[in-house]
Structure formats: structure tokens, C-alpha cells
Amino acid sequence: MRYEKQIVRGEMIDEVAKSGSGSADAPACRACHDRNGGLIIGTPGNPIDTGPVVIPSPGGGGPTNPFPPDNPTIPIPGVIIIPNNPPGNDPCSKIKGQKGTAAYNQKINDLKGKTGEKKETGYSQKANGEFTYHSKASTNEGSNSLSLPDATVYKDVSGYMHTHVDNTIEINDNGDEVTRTGIKMFSPADVDYFMDMLANAQAAGRPLNDVYAVMVSTNSIYQIRFTGTAGQVKTFTDDQMKTFSDPYIKQMENSKNLASDFLKFLKDNMRIEGVNLYRMQQMGKTTEIKLGPDGKTKESDCP
């Protein structure tokens, strides 16, 4: 292709024959090009053959134009910046992919129909995509906890989804009616298991952005995904986990914004960074919820 500009004594001027394509040996090009791909510069009475002209990539490594312009218009190759989560690997895309599969939707539908039971139920998913149903849960006056595969043994579990059941009225030992209420948000134990799955994925060299956890209640579905760095993956001891229970209940049981208070608890109490929360409509939009530097949550709908 012929150039729209040529360099003459360090200045860019419009070329006479600037349209079309063909060999530099064509009659219209011979006024400016020699037979070796160079440029003829100077004046008609004093032509100067520059030889082949090569525009080097940034950083050098090749010959340069002998008369570089002060303000070149020849484009310089750009710098490609690869994001932490390339398109298709970001949490919104991962969740969109989940919601587009029959297996995932069947599990969500099943759990939505079990939020009225007295005990939690759920599914775990292995890295190979295989789901396993779980219904063994412990319940007492202060907790309701589903038993998931031991993360120290079953290290190929990459995701799980479970219910937080509706409030129930029960009769205590004194014969009085007592309302058992549950917090319709991930608990510290839920997050602990999520972090264990991340640690296992990291040790096995599996993508951290494939790890997920889902909480299903009658009125909401939430998912957590990891958006941090490998250095932000952390796990907890049993003694550490015991210290989170009371502060969590105190912060969450009277919360007016469960999503915000949950993310603040992760940051301030569990010292966890790089975990985002997603509010999901089963057949509609997904909303990403982040905690900003100012301590306020910022919401944005996934594409």
C-alpha cells in the first residue's frame, strides 16, 4: 500500500500518489522510492537514497530513519495490558455461564423448594463438574449447619450451594414457643469453607476464579467469588473461627443491610480481601456488590 505521508528533510509532507497499492517500482512511486524499498529524498538535482527504511518497535533493536520528524504521525505499536480477569473469566461471566446450564438451575430450583425445611440442605461440586447432594445437618438453639465434604480430605471440591432455612416456631423445654431465626447471608463457617476450597485449588494449580459458594433462601440467592490475588488466600484454625461467632451474630441479627454488613465483617473481623458478593435473580439480572475504600458498598449490574 502506498503511504499517505513521506519524510523529507525531517518533515512530513503529503505524497503525490497516495492512493491505491502496488510495487514501489511503479512509475507513480519511482519519484520517491528506489528499487530496494528505500526513499529518495533531497531535491531533483541532488537526490539522496536512504536505503530501506524500517520503523523500529519501542525499545530499539533496528535501523532508524535518518531524518526523524519532530512530530511523527507513523503509529507506534501499542502496549497490551492483560486484566486480572480476562473476558470470560470474570465473576459475572462465570455466573452467567452457570445460569445457562440445566444442571445448575435444577440444583437451585431444588434448594428453593427446601427453604421451608427445618434443616439446611445443599450440593457440593467437584472440579470435574460432578454434583453431590447433602442433607446431613446439625441443628440446635443457636445454629443450623450443613455438613459438607471435609476440605482436608476431599480437596477437589470447587463449589457448593446450600440453603438458609426460613424462621420457625418451636417449643422449648419449658413448653414455651420460641421463634428460631436465621441470618439469610453467608456465615463465617460458610466463608471458612470457601477459603479452604480456594487454598485447595491454589495448591492443585486450578483456577481460583472457578471456586464459588451459593446461599439460597426464600427471598434471595447470593454467591461469593474470589477476585483477589494468590497472596490474599487465607485459611483459619478452629480457635480462630470460634472468635467470629458472637461478633457476627451481634452485627448481623439487627442489620438493615445484610450485604454491606457481611462485606464489612469479612474485611474488619476476618481480615479477608478480594471476595465479592453477587445478588442473583434466578431468571434475571445478577448484581455485583463491592465494598469501596470509603467503607460503603457499590452495586453494579453484571452485563
C-alpha atoms as a PDB file:
ATOM      1  CA  MET A   1       0.000   0.000   0.000  1.00  0.00           C
ATOM      2  CA  ARG A   2       1.358   3.470  -0.821  1.00  0.00           C
ATOM      3  CA  TYR A   3       1.974   5.897   2.017  1.00  0.00           C
ATOM      4  CA  GLU A   4      -0.132   8.936   2.707  1.00  0.00           C
ATOM      5  CA  LYS A   5       2.905  10.710   4.135  1.00  0.00           C
ATOM      6  CA  GLN A   6       6.613  10.779   3.300  1.00  0.00           C
ATOM      7  CA  ILE A   7       9.612  12.116   5.183  1.00  0.00           C
ATOM      8  CA  VAL A   8      11.624  14.872   3.506  1.00  0.00           C
ATOM      9  CA  ARG A   9      14.400  16.551   5.480  1.00  0.00           C
ATOM     10  CA  GLY A  10      12.736  15.574   8.722  1.00  0.00           C
ATOM     11  CA  GLU A  11       9.314  16.942   7.745  1.00  0.00           C
ATOM     12  CA  MET A  12       6.143  15.066   6.827  1.00  0.00           C
ATOM     13  CA  ILE A  13       4.575  16.074   3.504  1.00  0.00           C
ATOM     14  CA  ASP A  14       1.672  14.665   1.542  1.00  0.00           C
ATOM     15  CA  GLU A  15       2.724  12.198  -1.118  1.00  0.00           C
ATOM     16  CA  VAL A  16       1.533  12.857  -4.648  1.00  0.00           C
ATOM     17  CA  ALA A  17       0.484   9.250  -5.317  1.00  0.00           C
ATOM     18  CA  LYS A  18      -1.162   8.310  -2.021  1.00  0.00           C
ATOM     19  CA  SER A  19      -3.971   6.067  -3.171  1.00  0.00           C
ATOM     20  CA  GLY A  20      -4.005   2.513  -4.430  1.00  0.00           C
ATOM     21  CA  SER A  21      -1.488  -0.260  -3.912  1.00  0.00           C
ATOM     22  CA  GLY A  22       1.298  -1.926  -5.817  1.00  0.00           C
ATOM     23  CA  SER A  23       5.045  -2.194  -6.162  1.00  0.00           C
ATOM     24  CA  ALA A  24       7.277   0.676  -5.128  1.00  0.00           C
ATOM     25  CA  ASP A  25       8.794   0.246  -8.636  1.00  0.00           C
ATOM     26  CA  ALA A  26       5.576   1.513 -10.236  1.00  0.00           C
ATOM     27  CA  PRO A  27       6.024   4.732 -12.271  1.00  0.00           C
ATOM     28  CA  ALA A  28       3.967   6.770  -9.815  1.00  0.00           C
ATOM     29  CA  CYS A  29       6.226   5.646  -6.953  1.00  0.00           C
ATOM     30  CA  ARG A  30       9.651   5.901  -8.570  1.00  0.00           C
ATOM     31  CA  ALA A  31       9.874   9.606  -7.758  1.00  0.00           C
ATOM     32  CA  CYS A  32      10.139   8.736  -4.081  1.00  0.00           C
ATOM     33  CA  HIS A  33      11.172   5.054  -3.830  1.00  0.00           C
ATOM     34  CA  ASP A  34      14.242   3.208  -5.049  1.00  0.00           C
ATOM     35  CA  ARG A  35      14.148  -0.440  -6.140  1.00  0.00           C
ATOM     36  CA  ASN A  36      15.186  -1.723  -2.702  1.00  0.00           C
ATOM     37  CA  GLY A  37      12.295  -0.342  -0.679  1.00  0.00           C
ATOM     38  CA  GLY A  38      14.071   2.851   0.381  1.00  0.00           C
ATOM     39  CA  LEU A  39      13.141   6.514  -0.080  1.00  0.00           C
ATOM     40  CA  ILE A  40      14.547   9.099  -2.483  1.00  0.00           C
ATOM     41  CA  ILE A  41      14.799  12.382  -0.588  1.00  0.00           C
ATOM     42  CA  GLY A  42      16.545  15.673  -1.204  1.00  0.00           C
ATOM     43  CA  THR A  43      15.948  17.711  -4.358  1.00  0.00           C
ATOM     44  CA  PRO A  44      15.620  16.627  -8.011  1.00  0.00           C
ATOM     45  CA  GLY A  45      19.116  17.945  -8.622  1.00  0.00           C
ATOM     46  CA  ASN A  46      20.569  16.340  -5.522  1.00  0.00           C
ATOM     47  CA  PRO A  47      18.682  13.073  -4.785  1.00  0.00           C
ATOM     48  CA  ILE A  48      19.643  11.055  -1.707  1.00  0.00           C
ATOM     49  CA  ASP A  49      18.823   7.335  -1.476  1.00  0.00           C
ATOM     50  CA  THR A  50      18.163   6.408   2.173  1.00  0.00           C
ATOM     51  CA  GLY A  51      18.093   2.662   1.574  1.00  0.00           C
ATOM     52  CA  PRO A  52      15.384   0.545   3.160  1.00  0.00           C
ATOM     53  CA  VAL A  53      13.600   2.409   5.953  1.00  0.00           C
ATOM     54  CA  VAL A  54      12.491   0.399   9.000  1.00  0.00           C
ATOM     55  CA  ILE A  55      10.357   1.806  11.797  1.00  0.00           C
ATOM     56  CA  PRO A  56      11.662   0.014  14.924  1.00  0.00           C
ATOM     57  CA  SER A  57       9.489  -1.366  17.697  1.00  0.00           C
ATOM     58  CA  PRO A  58       9.692   0.506  21.008  1.00  0.00           C
ATOM     59  CA  GLY A  59      12.943  -0.362  22.764  1.00  0.00           C
ATOM     60  CA  GLY A  60      15.226  -0.207  19.711  1.00  0.00           C
ATOM     61  CA  GLY A  61      16.847  -3.108  18.023  1.00  0.00           C
ATOM     62  CA  GLY A  62      16.673  -1.927  14.372  1.00  0.00           C
ATOM     63  CA  PRO A  63      17.799   0.835  11.986  1.00  0.00           C
ATOM     64  CA  THR A  64      16.164   4.222  12.322  1.00  0.00           C
ATOM     65  CA  ASN A  65      15.035   6.846   9.872  1.00  0.00           C
ATOM     66  CA  PRO A  66      17.921   9.270   9.212  1.00  0.00           C
ATOM     67  CA  PHE A  67      15.578  12.260   9.290  1.00  0.00           C
ATOM     68  CA  PRO A  68      13.062  11.606  12.100  1.00  0.00           C
ATOM     69  CA  PRO A  69      10.218  14.137  12.203  1.00  0.00           C
ATOM     70  CA  ASP A  70       9.617  16.285  15.253  1.00  0.00           C
ATOM     71  CA  ASN A  71       6.014  15.100  15.438  1.00  0.00           C
ATOM     72  CA  PRO A  72       5.795  11.719  13.708  1.00  0.00           C
ATOM     73  CA  THR A  73       2.409  10.507  12.624  1.00  0.00           C
ATOM     74  CA  ILE A  74       3.530   6.933  11.983  1.00  0.00           C
ATOM     75  CA  PRO A  75       1.735   4.783  14.610  1.00  0.00           C
ATOM     76  CA  ILE A  76       3.802   3.040  17.272  1.00  0.00           C
ATOM     77  CA  PRO A  77       2.629  -0.420  18.345  1.00  0.00           C
ATOM     78  CA  GLY A  78       0.506  -0.167  21.473  1.00  0.00           C
ATOM     79  CA  VAL A  79       1.049  -1.912  24.789  1.00  0.00           C
ATOM     80  CA  ILE A  80      -1.295  -4.781  25.524  1.00  0.00           C
ATOM     81  CA  ILE A  81      -2.460  -4.906  29.157  1.00  0.00           C
ATOM     82  CA  ILE A  82      -3.938  -8.217  30.242  1.00  0.00           C
ATOM     83  CA  PRO A  83      -6.553  -7.731  33.013  1.00  0.00           C
ATOM     84  CA  ASN A  84      -6.613  -9.907  36.139  1.00  0.00           C
ATOM     85  CA  ASN A  85      -9.820 -11.467  34.870  1.00  0.00           C
ATOM     86  CA  PRO A  86      -9.786 -11.606  31.050  1.00  0.00           C
ATOM     87  CA  PRO A  87     -13.171 -11.577  29.278  1.00  0.00           C
ATOM     88  CA  GLY A  88     -14.987 -14.793  30.001  1.00  0.00           C
ATOM     89  CA  ASN A  89     -13.108 -15.431  33.241  1.00  0.00           C
ATOM     90  CA  ASP A  90     -14.502 -12.608  35.367  1.00  0.00           C
ATOM     91  CA  PRO A  91     -17.096 -13.496  38.041  1.00  0.00           C
ATOM     92  CA  CYS A  92     -20.027 -12.041  36.113  1.00  0.00           C
ATOM     93  CA  SER A  93     -19.198 -14.186  33.088  1.00  0.00           C
ATOM     94  CA  LYS A  94     -18.713 -17.255  35.274  1.00  0.00           C
ATOM     95  CA  ILE A  95     -22.096 -16.748  36.942  1.00  0.00           C
ATOM     96  CA  LYS A  96     -23.761 -16.124  33.582  1.00  0.00           C
ATOM     97  CA  GLY A  97     -22.312 -19.411  32.394  1.00  0.00           C
ATOM     98  CA  GLN A  98     -23.673 -21.206  35.458  1.00  0.00           C
ATOM     99  CA  LYS A  99     -27.158 -19.789  34.981  1.00  0.00           C
ATOM    100  CA  GLY A 100     -27.101 -21.030  31.409  1.00  0.00           C
ATOM    101  CA  THR A 101     -26.709 -24.684  32.385  1.00  0.00           C
ATOM    102  CA  ALA A 102     -29.559 -27.081  33.132  1.00  0.00           C
ATOM    103  CA  ALA A 103     -27.623 -28.863  35.907  1.00  0.00           C
ATOM    104  CA  TYR A 104     -27.056 -25.668  37.902  1.00  0.00           C
ATOM    105  CA  ASN A 105     -30.628 -24.437  37.511  1.00  0.00           C
ATOM    106  CA  GLN A 106     -32.020 -27.800  38.567  1.00  0.00           C
ATOM    107  CA  LYS A 107     -30.000 -27.644  41.788  1.00  0.00           C
ATOM    108  CA  ILE A 108     -31.124 -24.080  42.521  1.00  0.00           C
ATOM    109  CA  ASN A 109     -34.767 -24.989  41.897  1.00  0.00           C
ATOM    110  CA  ASP A 110     -34.454 -27.963  44.210  1.00  0.00           C
ATOM    111  CA  LEU A 111     -32.965 -25.878  47.017  1.00  0.00           C
ATOM    112  CA  LYS A 112     -35.529 -23.094  46.595  1.00  0.00           C
ATOM    113  CA  GLY A 113     -38.180 -25.713  47.295  1.00  0.00           C
ATOM    114  CA  LYS A 114     -36.455 -26.770  50.535  1.00  0.00           C
ATOM    115  CA  THR A 115     -36.048 -23.449  52.322  1.00  0.00           C
ATOM    116  CA  GLY A 116     -39.113 -24.270  54.423  1.00  0.00           C
ATOM    117  CA  GLU A 117     -37.498 -27.343  55.958  1.00  0.00           C
ATOM    118  CA  LYS A 118     -36.047 -27.291  59.461  1.00  0.00           C
ATOM    119  CA  LYS A 119     -32.513 -28.229  58.418  1.00  0.00           C
ATOM    120  CA  GLU A 120     -30.176 -26.989  55.733  1.00  0.00           C
ATOM    121  CA  THR A 121     -29.599 -28.952  52.537  1.00  0.00           C
ATOM    122  CA  GLY A 122     -27.223 -28.381  49.666  1.00  0.00           C
ATOM    123  CA  TYR A 123     -24.910 -29.578  46.912  1.00  0.00           C
ATOM    124  CA  SER A 124     -21.165 -29.660  46.501  1.00  0.00           C
ATOM    125  CA  GLN A 125     -19.475 -29.642  43.093  1.00  0.00           C
ATOM    126  CA  LYS A 126     -16.135 -31.192  42.205  1.00  0.00           C
ATOM    127  CA  ALA A 127     -13.638 -29.630  39.844  1.00  0.00           C
ATOM    128  CA  ASN A 128     -14.741 -32.110  37.167  1.00  0.00           C
ATOM    129  CA  GLY A 129     -18.291 -30.721  37.351  1.00  0.00           C
ATOM    130  CA  GLU A 130     -19.880 -33.572  39.314  1.00  0.00           C
ATOM    131  CA  PHE A 131     -22.553 -32.586  41.876  1.00  0.00           C
ATOM    132  CA  THR A 132     -23.286 -34.388  45.159  1.00  0.00           C
ATOM    133  CA  TYR A 133     -26.404 -33.799  47.283  1.00  0.00           C
ATOM    134  CA  HIS A 134     -26.048 -33.251  51.051  1.00  0.00           C
ATOM    135  CA  SER A 135     -28.797 -33.330  53.680  1.00  0.00           C
ATOM    136  CA  LYS A 136     -26.922 -34.129  56.875  1.00  0.00           C
ATOM    137  CA  ALA A 137     -27.175 -31.048  59.053  1.00  0.00           C
ATOM    138  CA  SER A 138     -26.849 -30.317  62.732  1.00  0.00           C
ATOM    139  CA  THR A 139     -29.308 -28.017  64.408  1.00  0.00           C
ATOM    140  CA  ASN A 140     -29.585 -26.564  67.886  1.00  0.00           C
ATOM    141  CA  GLU A 141     -30.957 -23.479  69.572  1.00  0.00           C
ATOM    142  CA  GLY A 142     -28.231 -21.259  68.187  1.00  0.00           C
ATOM    143  CA  SER A 143     -27.211 -22.748  64.846  1.00  0.00           C
ATOM    144  CA  ASN A 144     -28.168 -24.753  61.803  1.00  0.00           C
ATOM    145  CA  SER A 145     -25.186 -26.132  59.930  1.00  0.00           C
ATOM    146  CA  LEU A 146     -24.930 -28.368  56.861  1.00  0.00           C
ATOM    147  CA  SER A 147     -22.141 -30.951  56.786  1.00  0.00           C
ATOM    148  CA  LEU A 148     -20.090 -30.622  53.598  1.00  0.00           C
ATOM    149  CA  PRO A 149     -17.205 -32.874  52.475  1.00  0.00           C
ATOM    150  CA  ASP A 150     -14.123 -32.467  54.677  1.00  0.00           C
ATOM    151  CA  ALA A 151     -11.961 -29.986  52.771  1.00  0.00           C
ATOM    152  CA  THR A 152      -8.777 -31.538  54.177  1.00  0.00           C
ATOM    153  CA  VAL A 153      -9.713 -34.872  52.556  1.00  0.00           C
ATOM    154  CA  TYR A 154     -11.880 -34.006  49.537  1.00  0.00           C
ATOM    155  CA  LYS A 155      -9.614 -31.410  48.009  1.00  0.00           C
ATOM    156  CA  ASP A 156     -11.226 -31.441  44.573  1.00  0.00           C
ATOM    157  CA  VAL A 157     -14.412 -29.670  45.707  1.00  0.00           C
ATOM    158  CA  SER A 158     -14.562 -26.335  43.871  1.00  0.00           C
ATOM    159  CA  GLY A 159     -18.018 -25.056  44.768  1.00  0.00           C
ATOM    160  CA  TYR A 160     -21.092 -25.531  46.882  1.00  0.00           C
ATOM    161  CA  MET A 161     -24.631 -24.238  47.241  1.00  0.00           C
ATOM    162  CA  HIS A 162     -26.836 -24.561  50.310  1.00  0.00           C
ATOM    163  CA  THR A 163     -29.991 -23.271  51.946  1.00  0.00           C
ATOM    164  CA  HIS A 164     -30.549 -20.936  54.859  1.00  0.00           C
ATOM    165  CA  VAL A 165     -33.981 -22.050  56.008  1.00  0.00           C
ATOM    166  CA  ASP A 166     -36.977 -19.957  56.978  1.00  0.00           C
ATOM    167  CA  ASN A 167     -37.629 -18.868  60.546  1.00  0.00           C
ATOM    168  CA  THR A 168     -39.519 -21.500  62.521  1.00  0.00           C
ATOM    169  CA  ILE A 169     -41.558 -21.613  65.741  1.00  0.00           C
ATOM    170  CA  GLU A 170     -40.565 -24.367  68.139  1.00  0.00           C
ATOM    171  CA  ILE A 171     -41.473 -25.443  71.675  1.00  0.00           C
ATOM    172  CA  ASN A 172     -38.610 -25.262  74.147  1.00  0.00           C
ATOM    173  CA  ASP A 173     -38.046 -27.459  77.201  1.00  0.00           C
ATOM    174  CA  ASN A 174     -40.307 -25.211  79.283  1.00  0.00           C
ATOM    175  CA  GLY A 175     -43.198 -25.613  76.872  1.00  0.00           C
ATOM    176  CA  ASP A 176     -42.886 -22.095  75.550  1.00  0.00           C
ATOM    177  CA  GLU A 177     -42.998 -21.145  71.892  1.00  0.00           C
ATOM    178  CA  VAL A 178     -39.666 -19.912  70.599  1.00  0.00           C
ATOM    179  CA  THR A 179     -39.015 -18.426  67.172  1.00  0.00           C
ATOM    180  CA  ARG A 180     -35.781 -19.677  65.663  1.00  0.00           C
ATOM    181  CA  THR A 181     -34.442 -17.064  63.306  1.00  0.00           C
ATOM    182  CA  GLY A 182     -31.623 -17.447  60.853  1.00  0.00           C
ATOM    183  CA  ILE A 183     -29.424 -14.893  59.148  1.00  0.00           C
ATOM    184  CA  LYS A 184     -30.072 -15.018  55.415  1.00  0.00           C
ATOM    185  CA  MET A 185     -26.472 -14.386  54.495  1.00  0.00           C
ATOM    186  CA  PHE A 186     -23.220 -16.358  54.411  1.00  0.00           C
ATOM    187  CA  SER A 187     -21.929 -17.221  57.890  1.00  0.00           C
ATOM    188  CA  PRO A 188     -18.264 -17.203  58.993  1.00  0.00           C
ATOM    189  CA  ALA A 189     -18.328 -21.013  58.674  1.00  0.00           C
ATOM    190  CA  ASP A 190     -19.575 -20.692  55.084  1.00  0.00           C
ATOM    191  CA  VAL A 191     -16.723 -18.324  54.280  1.00  0.00           C
ATOM    192  CA  ASP A 192     -14.211 -20.573  56.056  1.00  0.00           C
ATOM    193  CA  TYR A 193     -15.165 -23.472  53.771  1.00  0.00           C
ATOM    194  CA  PHE A 194     -14.963 -21.161  50.748  1.00  0.00           C
ATOM    195  CA  MET A 195     -11.410 -20.165  51.706  1.00  0.00           C
ATOM    196  CA  ASP A 196     -10.464 -23.840  52.186  1.00  0.00           C
ATOM    197  CA  MET A 197     -11.678 -24.570  48.643  1.00  0.00           C
ATOM    198  CA  LEU A 198      -9.555 -21.681  47.359  1.00  0.00           C
ATOM    199  CA  ALA A 199      -6.477 -22.976  49.190  1.00  0.00           C
ATOM    200  CA  ASN A 200      -7.010 -26.456  47.728  1.00  0.00           C
ATOM    201  CA  ALA A 201      -7.456 -25.064  44.224  1.00  0.00           C
ATOM    202  CA  GLN A 202      -4.305 -22.986  44.613  1.00  0.00           C
ATOM    203  CA  ALA A 203      -2.284 -25.987  45.790  1.00  0.00           C
ATOM    204  CA  ALA A 204      -3.539 -28.065  42.848  1.00  0.00           C
ATOM    205  CA  GLY A 205      -2.890 -25.336  40.298  1.00  0.00           C
ATOM    206  CA  ARG A 206      -6.575 -24.943  39.453  1.00  0.00           C
ATOM    207  CA  PRO A 207      -8.067 -21.523  38.570  1.00  0.00           C
ATOM    208  CA  LEU A 208      -9.161 -19.615  41.648  1.00  0.00           C
ATOM    209  CA  ASN A 209     -11.949 -17.924  39.681  1.00  0.00           C
ATOM    210  CA  ASP A 210     -13.713 -21.290  39.320  1.00  0.00           C
ATOM    211  CA  VAL A 211     -14.326 -21.512  43.083  1.00  0.00           C
ATOM    212  CA  TYR A 212     -17.733 -20.355  44.324  1.00  0.00           C
ATOM    213  CA  ALA A 213     -20.281 -20.594  47.142  1.00  0.00           C
ATOM    214  CA  VAL A 214     -24.042 -20.014  46.934  1.00  0.00           C
ATOM    215  CA  MET A 215     -26.581 -19.281  49.677  1.00  0.00           C
ATOM    216  CA  VAL A 216     -30.261 -19.849  48.848  1.00  0.00           C
ATOM    217  CA  SER A 217     -33.119 -18.531  50.995  1.00  0.00           C
ATOM    218  CA  THR A 218     -36.789 -17.959  50.282  1.00  0.00           C
ATOM    219  CA  ASN A 219     -36.320 -14.332  49.275  1.00  0.00           C
ATOM    220  CA  SER A 220     -32.747 -14.207  47.978  1.00  0.00           C
ATOM    221  CA  ILE A 221     -29.870 -16.002  46.287  1.00  0.00           C
ATOM    222  CA  TYR A 222     -26.316 -14.833  46.926  1.00  0.00           C
ATOM    223  CA  GLN A 223     -22.996 -16.025  45.584  1.00  0.00           C
ATOM    224  CA  ILE A 224     -19.427 -15.204  46.584  1.00  0.00           C
ATOM    225  CA  ARG A 225     -16.450 -15.253  44.241  1.00  0.00           C
ATOM    226  CA  PHE A 226     -12.768 -14.529  44.711  1.00  0.00           C
ATOM    227  CA  THR A 227     -11.321 -11.552  42.819  1.00  0.00           C
ATOM    228  CA  GLY A 228      -8.103 -11.113  44.786  1.00  0.00           C
ATOM    229  CA  THR A 229      -4.525 -12.298  44.356  1.00  0.00           C
ATOM    230  CA  ALA A 230      -2.955 -15.611  45.310  1.00  0.00           C
ATOM    231  CA  GLY A 231      -1.365 -13.921  48.324  1.00  0.00           C
ATOM    232  CA  GLN A 232      -4.803 -12.998  49.692  1.00  0.00           C
ATOM    233  CA  VAL A 233      -5.930 -16.622  50.046  1.00  0.00           C
ATOM    234  CA  LYS A 234      -6.011 -17.483  53.754  1.00  0.00           C
ATOM    235  CA  THR A 235      -7.393 -20.207  55.996  1.00  0.00           C
ATOM    236  CA  PHE A 236      -8.428 -20.293  59.652  1.00  0.00           C
ATOM    237  CA  THR A 237      -7.884 -22.555  62.651  1.00  0.00           C
ATOM    238  CA  ASP A 238     -10.771 -23.841  64.767  1.00  0.00           C
ATOM    239  CA  ASP A 239      -9.780 -21.465  67.583  1.00  0.00           C
ATOM    240  CA  GLN A 240      -9.866 -18.510  65.223  1.00  0.00           C
ATOM    241  CA  MET A 241     -13.290 -19.492  63.935  1.00  0.00           C
ATOM    242  CA  LYS A 242     -14.689 -19.596  67.483  1.00  0.00           C
ATOM    243  CA  THR A 243     -13.885 -15.915  67.909  1.00  0.00           C
ATOM    244  CA  PHE A 244     -16.075 -14.890  64.968  1.00  0.00           C
ATOM    245  CA  SER A 245     -19.439 -16.317  66.056  1.00  0.00           C
ATOM    246  CA  ASP A 246     -20.608 -13.797  68.638  1.00  0.00           C
ATOM    247  CA  PRO A 247     -19.419 -10.647  66.800  1.00  0.00           C
ATOM    248  CA  TYR A 248     -21.060 -11.912  63.605  1.00  0.00           C
ATOM    249  CA  ILE A 249     -24.427 -12.517  65.279  1.00  0.00           C
ATOM    250  CA  LYS A 250     -24.268  -9.148  67.013  1.00  0.00           C
ATOM    251  CA  GLN A 251     -23.508  -7.330  63.758  1.00  0.00           C
ATOM    252  CA  MET A 252     -25.937  -9.202  61.529  1.00  0.00           C
ATOM    253  CA  GLU A 253     -29.052 -10.020  63.555  1.00  0.00           C
ATOM    254  CA  ASN A 254     -30.273  -6.396  63.546  1.00  0.00           C
ATOM    255  CA  SER A 255     -28.698  -5.419  60.244  1.00  0.00           C
ATOM    256  CA  LYS A 256     -30.565  -3.135  57.873  1.00  0.00           C
ATOM    257  CA  ASN A 257     -28.223  -4.036  55.001  1.00  0.00           C
ATOM    258  CA  LEU A 258     -27.055  -7.646  55.171  1.00  0.00           C
ATOM    259  CA  ALA A 259     -24.837  -7.378  52.087  1.00  0.00           C
ATOM    260  CA  SER A 260     -22.971  -4.345  53.373  1.00  0.00           C
ATOM    261  CA  ASP A 261     -22.540  -5.656  56.918  1.00  0.00           C
ATOM    262  CA  PHE A 262     -21.378  -9.039  55.607  1.00  0.00           C
ATOM    263  CA  LEU A 263     -18.637  -7.493  53.468  1.00  0.00           C
ATOM    264  CA  LYS A 264     -17.589  -5.245  56.342  1.00  0.00           C
ATOM    265  CA  PHE A 265     -17.365  -8.271  58.629  1.00  0.00           C
ATOM    266  CA  LEU A 266     -15.100 -10.037  56.138  1.00  0.00           C
ATOM    267  CA  LYS A 267     -12.799  -7.041  55.951  1.00  0.00           C
ATOM    268  CA  ASP A 268     -12.773  -5.868  59.561  1.00  0.00           C
ATOM    269  CA  ASN A 269     -13.145  -9.118  61.524  1.00  0.00           C
ATOM    270  CA  MET A 270     -11.907 -11.933  59.307  1.00  0.00           C
ATOM    271  CA  ARG A 271      -9.335  -9.734  57.520  1.00  0.00           C
ATOM    272  CA  ILE A 272     -10.336 -11.136  54.143  1.00  0.00           C
ATOM    273  CA  GLU A 273      -9.701  -9.165  50.966  1.00  0.00           C
ATOM    274  CA  GLY A 274     -10.659  -9.930  47.385  1.00  0.00           C
ATOM    275  CA  VAL A 275     -14.076 -11.532  47.956  1.00  0.00           C
ATOM    276  CA  ASN A 276     -17.060 -10.034  46.132  1.00  0.00           C
ATOM    277  CA  LEU A 277     -20.735 -10.679  46.751  1.00  0.00           C
ATOM    278  CA  TYR A 278     -23.299 -11.249  43.992  1.00  0.00           C
ATOM    279  CA  ARG A 279     -27.059 -10.970  44.404  1.00  0.00           C
ATOM    280  CA  MET A 280     -28.721 -13.209  41.864  1.00  0.00           C
ATOM    281  CA  GLN A 281     -32.165 -13.357  40.355  1.00  0.00           C
ATOM    282  CA  GLN A 282     -32.782 -16.892  39.204  1.00  0.00           C
ATOM    283  CA  MET A 283     -34.114 -15.838  35.812  1.00  0.00           C
ATOM    284  CA  GLY A 284     -32.971 -12.228  35.777  1.00  0.00           C
ATOM    285  CA  LYS A 285     -30.015  -9.996  36.425  1.00  0.00           C
ATOM    286  CA  THR A 286     -27.017 -10.527  38.673  1.00  0.00           C
ATOM    287  CA  THR A 287     -25.735  -7.600  40.726  1.00  0.00           C
ATOM    288  CA  GLU A 288     -22.132  -7.307  41.871  1.00  0.00           C
ATOM    289  CA  ILE A 289     -21.678  -5.813  45.342  1.00  0.00           C
ATOM    290  CA  LYS A 290     -18.277  -4.478  46.386  1.00  0.00           C
ATOM    291  CA  LEU A 291     -17.029  -2.675  49.451  1.00  0.00           C
ATOM    292  CA  GLY A 292     -15.389   0.592  48.443  1.00  0.00           C
ATOM    293  CA  PRO A 293     -12.390   2.290  50.107  1.00  0.00           C
ATOM    294  CA  ASP A 294     -14.839   4.553  51.940  1.00  0.00           C
ATOM    295  CA  GLY A 295     -16.489   1.547  53.588  1.00  0.00           C
ATOM    296  CA  LYS A 296     -19.657   1.905  51.535  1.00  0.00           C
ATOM    297  CA  THR A 297     -20.981  -0.761  49.202  1.00  0.00           C
ATOM    298  CA  LYS A 298     -21.100  -0.116  45.477  1.00  0.00           C
ATOM    299  CA  GLU A 299     -23.520  -2.072  43.316  1.00  0.00           C
ATOM    300  CA  SER A 300     -23.376  -2.648  39.565  1.00  0.00           C
ATOM    301  CA  ASP A 301     -25.389  -4.985  37.371  1.00  0.00           C
ATOM    302  CA  CYS A 302     -23.436  -7.659  35.507  1.00  0.00           C
ATOM    303  CA  PRO A 303     -23.579  -7.394  31.699  1.00  0.00           C
END
